[in-house]
Amino acid sequence: MKKRYSQHGSHAGSIPGLVQVSKNVYVYSGFTIRKSSRNIFNRSNAYLINKRDDNGGIDNYYGRDFALAEAMRTIEGLRRGKNYDD
């Protein structure tokens, strides 16, 4: 059974704080999570994490995770000040 969302901008399922803006774009804690196209060899989805700077001029890229839950954990780590440069 497929889970469908009734409207754009509604909460994504039962995940608090996650808002689905369009079919492939989510917003979580001020960060944008974009679902990228599937890789021909891997067949799995990847989620790209971006955030605009305070001035709104530069779109900062924060990484790529292979599950929406992983992307949300990465954002939580960024908000706590954890460094992901390693």
PDB file of N, CA and C in Angstrom:
ATOM      1  N   MET A   1       0.829  -1.159   0.000  1.00  0.00           N
ATOM      2  CA  MET A   1       0.000   0.000   0.000  1.00  0.00           C
ATOM      3  C   MET A   1       0.889   1.244   0.000  1.00  0.00           C
ATOM      4  N   LYS A   2       0.619   2.159  -0.899  1.00  0.00           N
ATOM      5  CA  LYS A   2       1.388   3.396  -0.974  1.00  0.00           C
ATOM      6  C   LYS A   2       0.795   4.436  -0.040  1.00  0.00           C
ATOM      7  N   LYS A   3       1.686   5.167   0.632  1.00  0.00           N
ATOM      8  CA  LYS A   3       1.234   6.252   1.493  1.00  0.00           C
ATOM      9  C   LYS A   3       1.206   7.525   0.671  1.00  0.00           C
ATOM     10  N   ARG A   4       0.107   8.215   0.647  1.00  0.00           N
ATOM     11  CA  ARG A   4      -0.024   9.436  -0.133  1.00  0.00           C
ATOM     12  C   ARG A   4      -0.232  10.626   0.778  1.00  0.00           C
ATOM     13  N   TYR A   5       0.260  11.769   0.347  1.00  0.00           N
ATOM     14  CA  TYR A   5       0.081  13.003   1.093  1.00  0.00           C
ATOM     15  C   TYR A   5      -0.966  13.835   0.388  1.00  0.00           C
ATOM     16  N   SER A   6      -1.908  14.344   1.145  1.00  0.00           N
ATOM     17  CA  SER A   6      -3.058  15.002   0.552  1.00  0.00           C
ATOM     18  C   SER A   6      -2.752  16.373  -0.025  1.00  0.00           C
ATOM     19  N   GLN A   7      -1.846  17.127   0.584  1.00  0.00           N
ATOM     20  CA  GLN A   7      -1.581  18.474   0.117  1.00  0.00           C
ATOM     21  C   GLN A   7      -0.098  18.770   0.206  1.00  0.00           C
ATOM     22  N   HIS A   8       0.358  19.699  -0.640  1.00  0.00           N
ATOM     23  CA  HIS A   8       1.717  20.182  -0.491  1.00  0.00           C
ATOM     24  C   HIS A   8       1.771  21.045   0.751  1.00  0.00           C
ATOM     25  N   GLY A   9       2.879  20.981   1.459  1.00  0.00           N
ATOM     26  CA  GLY A   9       3.020  21.770   2.665  1.00  0.00           C
ATOM     27  C   GLY A   9       2.456  21.079   3.894  1.00  0.00           C
ATOM     28  N   SER A  10       1.953  19.871   3.752  1.00  0.00           N
ATOM     29  CA  SER A  10       1.439  19.152   4.906  1.00  0.00           C
ATOM     30  C   SER A  10       2.581  18.453   5.622  1.00  0.00           C
ATOM     31  N   HIS A  11       2.312  18.026   6.831  1.00  0.00           N
ATOM     32  CA  HIS A  11       3.342  17.303   7.563  1.00  0.00           C
ATOM     33  C   HIS A  11       3.551  15.947   6.912  1.00  0.00           C
ATOM     34  N   ALA A  12       4.801  15.539   6.817  1.00  0.00           N
ATOM     35  CA  ALA A  12       5.128  14.289   6.145  1.00  0.00           C
ATOM     36  C   ALA A  12       4.892  13.124   7.092  1.00  0.00           C
ATOM     37  N   GLY A  13       3.799  12.455   6.910  1.00  0.00           N
ATOM     38  CA  GLY A  13       3.485  11.317   7.756  1.00  0.00           C
ATOM     39  C   GLY A  13       3.323  11.745   9.200  1.00  0.00           C
ATOM     40  N   SER A  14       3.960  11.021  10.102  1.00  0.00           N
ATOM     41  CA  SER A  14       3.851  11.338  11.524  1.00  0.00           C
ATOM     42  C   SER A  14       5.179  11.860  12.079  1.00  0.00           C
ATOM     43  N   ILE A  15       6.050  12.371  11.224  1.00  0.00           N
ATOM     44  CA  ILE A  15       7.351  12.862  11.669  1.00  0.00           C
ATOM     45  C   ILE A  15       7.207  14.329  12.058  1.00  0.00           C
ATOM     46  N   PRO A  16       7.322  14.650  13.352  1.00  0.00           N
ATOM     47  CA  PRO A  16       7.149  16.045  13.766  1.00  0.00           C
ATOM     48  C   PRO A  16       8.273  16.938  13.240  1.00  0.00           C
ATOM     49  N   GLY A  17       7.907  18.096  12.737  1.00  0.00           N
ATOM     50  CA  GLY A  17       8.887  19.056  12.251  1.00  0.00           C
ATOM     51  C   GLY A  17       9.250  18.907  10.786  1.00  0.00           C
ATOM     52  N   LEU A  18       8.917  17.786  10.165  1.00  0.00           N
ATOM     53  CA  LEU A  18       9.214  17.549   8.756  1.00  0.00           C
ATOM     54  C   LEU A  18       8.009  17.963   7.926  1.00  0.00           C
ATOM     55  N   VAL A  19       8.232  18.875   6.981  1.00  0.00           N
ATOM     56  CA  VAL A  19       7.155  19.361   6.127  1.00  0.00           C
ATOM     57  C   VAL A  19       7.497  19.039   4.680  1.00  0.00           C
ATOM     58  N   GLN A  20       6.569  18.393   3.983  1.00  0.00           N
ATOM     59  CA  GLN A  20       6.762  18.081   2.576  1.00  0.00           C
ATOM     60  C   GLN A  20       6.254  19.256   1.755  1.00  0.00           C
ATOM     61  N   VAL A  21       7.180  19.887   1.011  1.00  0.00           N
ATOM     62  CA  VAL A  21       6.852  21.070   0.214  1.00  0.00           C
ATOM     63  C   VAL A  21       6.362  20.662  -1.165  1.00  0.00           C
ATOM     64  N   SER A  22       7.020  19.691  -1.766  1.00  0.00           N
ATOM     65  CA  SER A  22       6.607  19.154  -3.063  1.00  0.00           C
ATOM     66  C   SER A  22       6.931  17.671  -3.077  1.00  0.00           C
ATOM     67  N   LYS A  23       6.786  17.056  -4.224  1.00  0.00           N
ATOM     68  CA  LYS A  23       6.998  15.607  -4.327  1.00  0.00           C
ATOM     69  C   LYS A  23       8.391  15.188  -3.874  1.00  0.00           C
ATOM     70  N   ASN A  24       9.405  16.007  -4.158  1.00  0.00           N
ATOM     71  CA  ASN A  24      10.784  15.636  -3.869  1.00  0.00           C
ATOM     72  C   ASN A  24      11.506  16.587  -2.928  1.00  0.00           C
ATOM     73  N   VAL A  25      10.783  17.479  -2.266  1.00  0.00           N
ATOM     74  CA  VAL A  25      11.424  18.470  -1.401  1.00  0.00           C
ATOM     75  C   VAL A  25      10.755  18.483  -0.034  1.00  0.00           C
ATOM     76  N   TYR A  26      11.593  18.441   1.010  1.00  0.00           N
ATOM     77  CA  TYR A  26      11.138  18.505   2.387  1.00  0.00           C
ATOM     78  C   TYR A  26      11.862  19.653   3.081  1.00  0.00           C
ATOM     79  N   VAL A  27      11.252  20.195   4.142  1.00  0.00           N
ATOM     80  CA  VAL A  27      11.894  21.202   4.981  1.00  0.00           C
ATOM     81  C   VAL A  27      11.889  20.655   6.399  1.00  0.00           C
ATOM     82  N   TYR A  28      13.070  20.720   7.044  1.00  0.00           N
ATOM     83  CA  TYR A  28      13.202  20.238   8.416  1.00  0.00           C
ATOM     84  C   TYR A  28      14.142  21.169   9.164  1.00  0.00           C
ATOM     85  N   SER A  29      13.645  21.839  10.179  1.00  0.00           N
ATOM     86  CA  SER A  29      14.436  22.734  11.039  1.00  0.00           C
ATOM     87  C   SER A  29      15.210  23.784  10.249  1.00  0.00           C
ATOM     88  N   GLY A  30      14.599  24.339   9.218  1.00  0.00           N
ATOM     89  CA  GLY A  30      15.245  25.381   8.433  1.00  0.00           C
ATOM     90  C   GLY A  30      16.155  24.874   7.336  1.00  0.00           C
ATOM     91  N   PHE A  31      16.339  23.576   7.220  1.00  0.00           N
ATOM     92  CA  PHE A  31      17.160  22.954   6.182  1.00  0.00           C
ATOM     93  C   PHE A  31      16.247  22.393   5.107  1.00  0.00           C
ATOM     94  N   THR A  32      16.725  22.383   3.885  1.00  0.00           N
ATOM     95  CA  THR A  32      15.993  21.796   2.773  1.00  0.00           C
ATOM     96  C   THR A  32      16.577  20.425   2.477  1.00  0.00           C
ATOM     97  N   ILE A  33      15.722  19.435   2.379  1.00  0.00           N
ATOM     98  CA  ILE A  33      16.132  18.073   2.025  1.00  0.00           C
ATOM     99  C   ILE A  33      15.504  17.766   0.677  1.00  0.00           C
ATOM    100  N   ARG A  34      16.371  17.545  -0.335  1.00  0.00           N
ATOM    101  CA  ARG A  34      15.879  17.233  -1.680  1.00  0.00           C
ATOM    102  C   ARG A  34      16.143  15.780  -1.999  1.00  0.00           C
ATOM    103  N   LYS A  35      15.151  15.126  -2.526  1.00  0.00           N
ATOM    104  CA  LYS A  35      15.297  13.747  -2.970  1.00  0.00           C
ATOM    105  C   LYS A  35      15.917  13.786  -4.360  1.00  0.00           C
ATOM    106  N   SER A  36      17.089  13.185  -4.512  1.00  0.00           N
ATOM    107  CA  SER A  36      17.755  13.197  -5.816  1.00  0.00           C
ATOM    108  C   SER A  36      17.269  12.012  -6.647  1.00  0.00           C
ATOM    109  N   SER A  37      17.561  12.078  -7.911  1.00  0.00           N
ATOM    110  CA  SER A  37      17.147  10.987  -8.789  1.00  0.00           C
ATOM    111  C   SER A  37      17.925   9.729  -8.450  1.00  0.00           C
ATOM    112  N   ARG A  38      17.345   8.619  -8.765  1.00  0.00           N
ATOM    113  CA  ARG A  38      17.984   7.336  -8.451  1.00  0.00           C
ATOM    114  C   ARG A  38      19.208   7.107  -9.315  1.00  0.00           C
ATOM    115  N   ASN A  39      20.174   6.491  -8.704  1.00  0.00           N
ATOM    116  CA  ASN A  39      21.383   6.112  -9.406  1.00  0.00           C
ATOM    117  C   ASN A  39      21.090   4.842 -10.209  1.00  0.00           C
ATOM    118  N   ILE A  40      21.542   4.790 -11.436  1.00  0.00           N
ATOM    119  CA  ILE A  40      21.281   3.626 -12.299  1.00  0.00           C
ATOM    120  C   ILE A  40      21.844   2.343 -11.684  1.00  0.00           C
ATOM    121  N   PHE A  41      23.007   2.431 -11.056  1.00  0.00           N
ATOM    122  CA  PHE A  41      23.664   1.246 -10.525  1.00  0.00           C
ATOM    123  C   PHE A  41      23.183   0.882  -9.122  1.00  0.00           C
ATOM    124  N   ASN A  42      22.782   1.858  -8.347  1.00  0.00           N
ATOM    125  CA  ASN A  42      22.454   1.623  -6.948  1.00  0.00           C
ATOM    126  C   ASN A  42      20.964   1.386  -6.709  1.00  0.00           C
ATOM    127  N   ARG A  43      20.107   2.007  -7.443  1.00  0.00           N
ATOM    128  CA  ARG A  43      18.650   1.895  -7.344  1.00  0.00           C
ATOM    129  C   ARG A  43      18.085   2.403  -6.014  1.00  0.00           C
ATOM    130  N   SER A  44      18.877   3.088  -5.225  1.00  0.00           N
ATOM    131  CA  SER A  44      18.351   3.646  -3.985  1.00  0.00           C
ATOM    132  C   SER A  44      18.258   5.156  -4.097  1.00  0.00           C
ATOM    133  N   ASN A  45      17.410   5.723  -3.294  1.00  0.00           N
ATOM    134  CA  ASN A  45      17.268   7.170  -3.277  1.00  0.00           C
ATOM    135  C   ASN A  45      18.373   7.788  -2.441  1.00  0.00           C
ATOM    136  N   ALA A  46      18.679   9.015  -2.728  1.00  0.00           N
ATOM    137  CA  ALA A  46      19.602   9.784  -1.912  1.00  0.00           C
ATOM    138  C   ALA A  46      18.935  11.107  -1.602  1.00  0.00           C
ATOM    139  N   TYR A  47      19.245  11.647  -0.454  1.00  0.00           N
ATOM    140  CA  TYR A  47      18.664  12.901  -0.014  1.00  0.00           C
ATOM    141  C   TYR A  47      19.779  13.914   0.193  1.00  0.00           C
ATOM    142  N   LEU A  48      19.670  15.064  -0.445  1.00  0.00           N
ATOM    143  CA  LEU A  48      20.674  16.111  -0.386  1.00  0.00           C
ATOM    144  C   LEU A  48      20.225  17.175   0.606  1.00  0.00           C
ATOM    145  N   ILE A  49      21.137  17.619   1.470  1.00  0.00           N
ATOM    146  CA  ILE A  49      20.815  18.590   2.512  1.00  0.00           C
ATOM    147  C   ILE A  49      21.413  19.940   2.147  1.00  0.00           C
ATOM    148  N   ASN A  50      20.573  20.968   2.095  1.00  0.00           N
ATOM    149  CA  ASN A  50      21.004  22.335   1.782  1.00  0.00           C
ATOM    150  C   ASN A  50      20.396  23.295   2.786  1.00  0.00           C
ATOM    151  N   LYS A  51      21.022  24.465   2.913  1.00  0.00           N
ATOM    152  CA  LYS A  51      20.451  25.544   3.713  1.00  0.00           C
ATOM    153  C   LYS A  51      20.966  26.871   3.186  1.00  0.00           C
ATOM    154  N   ARG A  52      20.072  27.833   3.050  1.00  0.00           N
ATOM    155  CA  ARG A  52      20.454  29.191   2.657  1.00  0.00           C
ATOM    156  C   ARG A  52      21.158  29.871   3.819  1.00  0.00           C
ATOM    157  N   ASP A  53      22.135  30.728   3.501  1.00  0.00           N
ATOM    158  CA  ASP A  53      22.790  31.488   4.567  1.00  0.00           C
ATOM    159  C   ASP A  53      21.838  32.554   5.096  1.00  0.00           C
ATOM    160  N   ASP A  54      22.253  33.251   6.138  1.00  0.00           N
ATOM    161  CA  ASP A  54      21.377  34.239   6.777  1.00  0.00           C
ATOM    162  C   ASP A  54      20.979  35.376   5.841  1.00  0.00           C
ATOM    163  N   ASN A  55      21.849  35.715   4.900  1.00  0.00           N
ATOM    164  CA  ASN A  55      21.539  36.781   3.949  1.00  0.00           C
ATOM    165  C   ASN A  55      20.659  36.290   2.807  1.00  0.00           C
ATOM    166  N   GLY A  56      20.498  34.978   2.659  1.00  0.00           N
ATOM    167  CA  GLY A  56      19.656  34.420   1.607  1.00  0.00           C
ATOM    168  C   GLY A  56      20.311  34.372   0.248  1.00  0.00           C
ATOM    169  N   GLY A  57      21.623  34.631   0.177  1.00  0.00           N
ATOM    170  CA  GLY A  57      22.288  34.688  -1.117  1.00  0.00           C
ATOM    171  C   GLY A  57      22.986  33.418  -1.534  1.00  0.00           C
ATOM    172  N   ILE A  58      23.451  32.626  -0.573  1.00  0.00           N
ATOM    173  CA  ILE A  58      24.244  31.439  -0.904  1.00  0.00           C
ATOM    174  C   ILE A  58      23.533  30.203  -0.369  1.00  0.00           C
ATOM    175  N   ASP A  59      23.435  29.180  -1.207  1.00  0.00           N
ATOM    176  CA  ASP A  59      22.832  27.918  -0.826  1.00  0.00           C
ATOM    177  C   ASP A  59      23.958  26.979  -0.400  1.00  0.00           C
ATOM    178  N   ASN A  60      24.070  26.706   0.901  1.00  0.00           N
ATOM    179  CA  ASN A  60      25.129  25.848   1.427  1.00  0.00           C
ATOM    180  C   ASN A  60      24.726  24.383   1.350  1.00  0.00           C
ATOM    181  N   TYR A  61      25.631  23.546   0.871  1.00  0.00           N
ATOM    182  CA  TYR A  61      25.395  22.110   0.734  1.00  0.00           C
ATOM    183  C   TYR A  61      26.008  21.410   1.934  1.00  0.00           C
ATOM    184  N   TYR A  62      25.240  20.573   2.620  1.00  0.00           N
ATOM    185  CA  TYR A  62      25.712  19.917   3.836  1.00  0.00           C
ATOM    186  C   TYR A  62      25.865  18.410   3.715  1.00  0.00           C
ATOM    187  N   GLY A  63      25.627  17.835   2.580  1.00  0.00           N
ATOM    188  CA  GLY A  63      25.877  16.407   2.448  1.00  0.00           C
ATOM    189  C   GLY A  63      24.757  15.649   1.774  1.00  0.00           C
ATOM    190  N   ARG A  64      24.996  14.336   1.688  1.00  0.00           N
ATOM    191  CA  ARG A  64      24.082  13.423   1.015  1.00  0.00           C
ATOM    192  C   ARG A  64      23.917  12.191   1.887  1.00  0.00           C
ATOM    193  N   ASP A  65      22.690  11.854   2.178  1.00  0.00           N
ATOM    194  CA  ASP A  65      22.383  10.650   2.938  1.00  0.00           C
ATOM    195  C   ASP A  65      21.475   9.772   2.096  1.00  0.00           C
ATOM    196  N   PHE A  66      21.438   8.488   2.424  1.00  0.00           N
ATOM    197  CA  PHE A  66      20.677   7.546   1.616  1.00  0.00           C
ATOM    198  C   PHE A  66      19.322   7.183   2.207  1.00  0.00           C
ATOM    199  N   ALA A  67      18.936   7.867   3.269  1.00  0.00           N
ATOM    200  CA  ALA A  67      17.597   7.694   3.832  1.00  0.00           C
ATOM    201  C   ALA A  67      17.155   9.023   4.415  1.00  0.00           C
ATOM    202  N   LEU A  68      15.877   9.263   4.399  1.00  0.00           N
ATOM    203  CA  LEU A  68      15.347  10.501   4.935  1.00  0.00           C
ATOM    204  C   LEU A  68      15.656  10.609   6.431  1.00  0.00           C
ATOM    205  N   ALA A  69      15.575   9.502   7.145  1.00  0.00           N
ATOM    206  CA  ALA A  69      15.883   9.508   8.578  1.00  0.00           C
ATOM    207  C   ALA A  69      17.341   9.871   8.834  1.00  0.00           C
ATOM    208  N   GLU A  70      18.257   9.377   7.986  1.00  0.00           N
ATOM    209  CA  GLU A  70      19.673   9.731   8.124  1.00  0.00           C
ATOM    210  C   GLU A  70      19.880  11.220   7.888  1.00  0.00           C
ATOM    211  N   ALA A  71      19.188  11.784   6.913  1.00  0.00           N
ATOM    212  CA  ALA A  71      19.300  13.216   6.636  1.00  0.00           C
ATOM    213  C   ALA A  71      18.822  14.021   7.837  1.00  0.00           C
ATOM    214  N   MET A  72      17.755  13.584   8.468  1.00  0.00           N
ATOM    215  CA  MET A  72      17.250  14.281   9.640  1.00  0.00           C
ATOM    216  C   MET A  72      18.232  14.178  10.806  1.00  0.00           C
ATOM    217  N   ARG A  73      18.880  13.021  10.985  1.00  0.00           N
ATOM    218  CA  ARG A  73      19.896  12.874  12.042  1.00  0.00           C
ATOM    219  C   ARG A  73      21.096  13.770  11.768  1.00  0.00           C
ATOM    220  N   THR A  74      21.483  13.904  10.499  1.00  0.00           N
ATOM    221  CA  THR A  74      22.585  14.792  10.135  1.00  0.00           C
ATOM    222  C   THR A  74      22.243  16.230  10.492  1.00  0.00           C
ATOM    223  N   ILE A  75      21.024  16.642  10.210  1.00  0.00           N
ATOM    224  CA  ILE A  75      20.597  18.004  10.535  1.00  0.00           C
ATOM    225  C   ILE A  75      20.598  18.219  12.040  1.00  0.00           C
ATOM    226  N   GLU A  76      20.117  17.243  12.796  1.00  0.00           N
ATOM    227  CA  GLU A  76      20.144  17.365  14.257  1.00  0.00           C
ATOM    228  C   GLU A  76      21.577  17.512  14.757  1.00  0.00           C
ATOM    229  N   GLY A  77      22.506  16.759  14.178  1.00  0.00           N
ATOM    230  CA  GLY A  77      23.917  16.880  14.554  1.00  0.00           C
ATOM    231  C   GLY A  77      24.479  18.248  14.216  1.00  0.00           C
ATOM    232  N   LEU A  78      24.103  18.784  13.056  1.00  0.00           N
ATOM    233  CA  LEU A  78      24.546  20.121  12.673  1.00  0.00           C
ATOM    234  C   LEU A  78      23.999  21.177  13.625  1.00  0.00           C
ATOM    235  N   ARG A  79      22.782  21.016  14.033  1.00  0.00           N
ATOM    236  CA  ARG A  79      22.174  21.978  14.959  1.00  0.00           C
ATOM    237  C   ARG A  79      22.827  21.929  16.329  1.00  0.00           C
ATOM    238  N   ARG A  80      23.335  20.756  16.730  1.00  0.00           N
ATOM    239  CA  ARG A  80      24.038  20.631  18.007  1.00  0.00           C
ATOM    240  C   ARG A  80      25.487  21.078  17.910  1.00  0.00           C
ATOM    241  N   GLY A  81      25.962  21.375  16.691  1.00  0.00           N
ATOM    242  CA  GLY A  81      27.321  21.851  16.526  1.00  0.00           C
ATOM    243  C   GLY A  81      28.331  20.767  16.207  1.00  0.00           C
ATOM    244  N   LYS A  82      27.859  19.577  15.880  1.00  0.00           N
ATOM    245  CA  LYS A  82      28.759  18.482  15.526  1.00  0.00           C
ATOM    246  C   LYS A  82      29.382  18.742  14.177  1.00  0.00           C
ATOM    247  N   ASN A  83      30.660  18.449  14.036  1.00  0.00           N
ATOM    248  CA  ASN A  83      31.396  18.715  12.802  1.00  0.00           C
ATOM    249  C   ASN A  83      31.346  17.492  11.888  1.00  0.00           C
ATOM    250  N   TYR A  84      30.946  17.678  10.629  1.00  0.00           N
ATOM    251  CA  TYR A  84      30.854  16.575   9.676  1.00  0.00           C
ATOM    252  C   TYR A  84      31.906  16.666   8.586  1.00  0.00           C
ATOM    253  N   ASP A  85      33.016  17.346   8.844  1.00  0.00           N
ATOM    254  CA  ASP A  85      34.063  17.489   7.839  1.00  0.00           C
ATOM    255  C   ASP A  85      34.938  16.259   7.712  1.00  0.00           C
ATOM    256  N   ASP A  86      34.874  15.325   8.661  1.00  0.00           N
ATOM    257  CA  ASP A  86      35.752  14.158   8.630  1.00  0.00           C
ATOM    258  C   ASP A  86      35.439  13.222   7.501  1.00  0.00           C
TER     259      ASP A  86
END
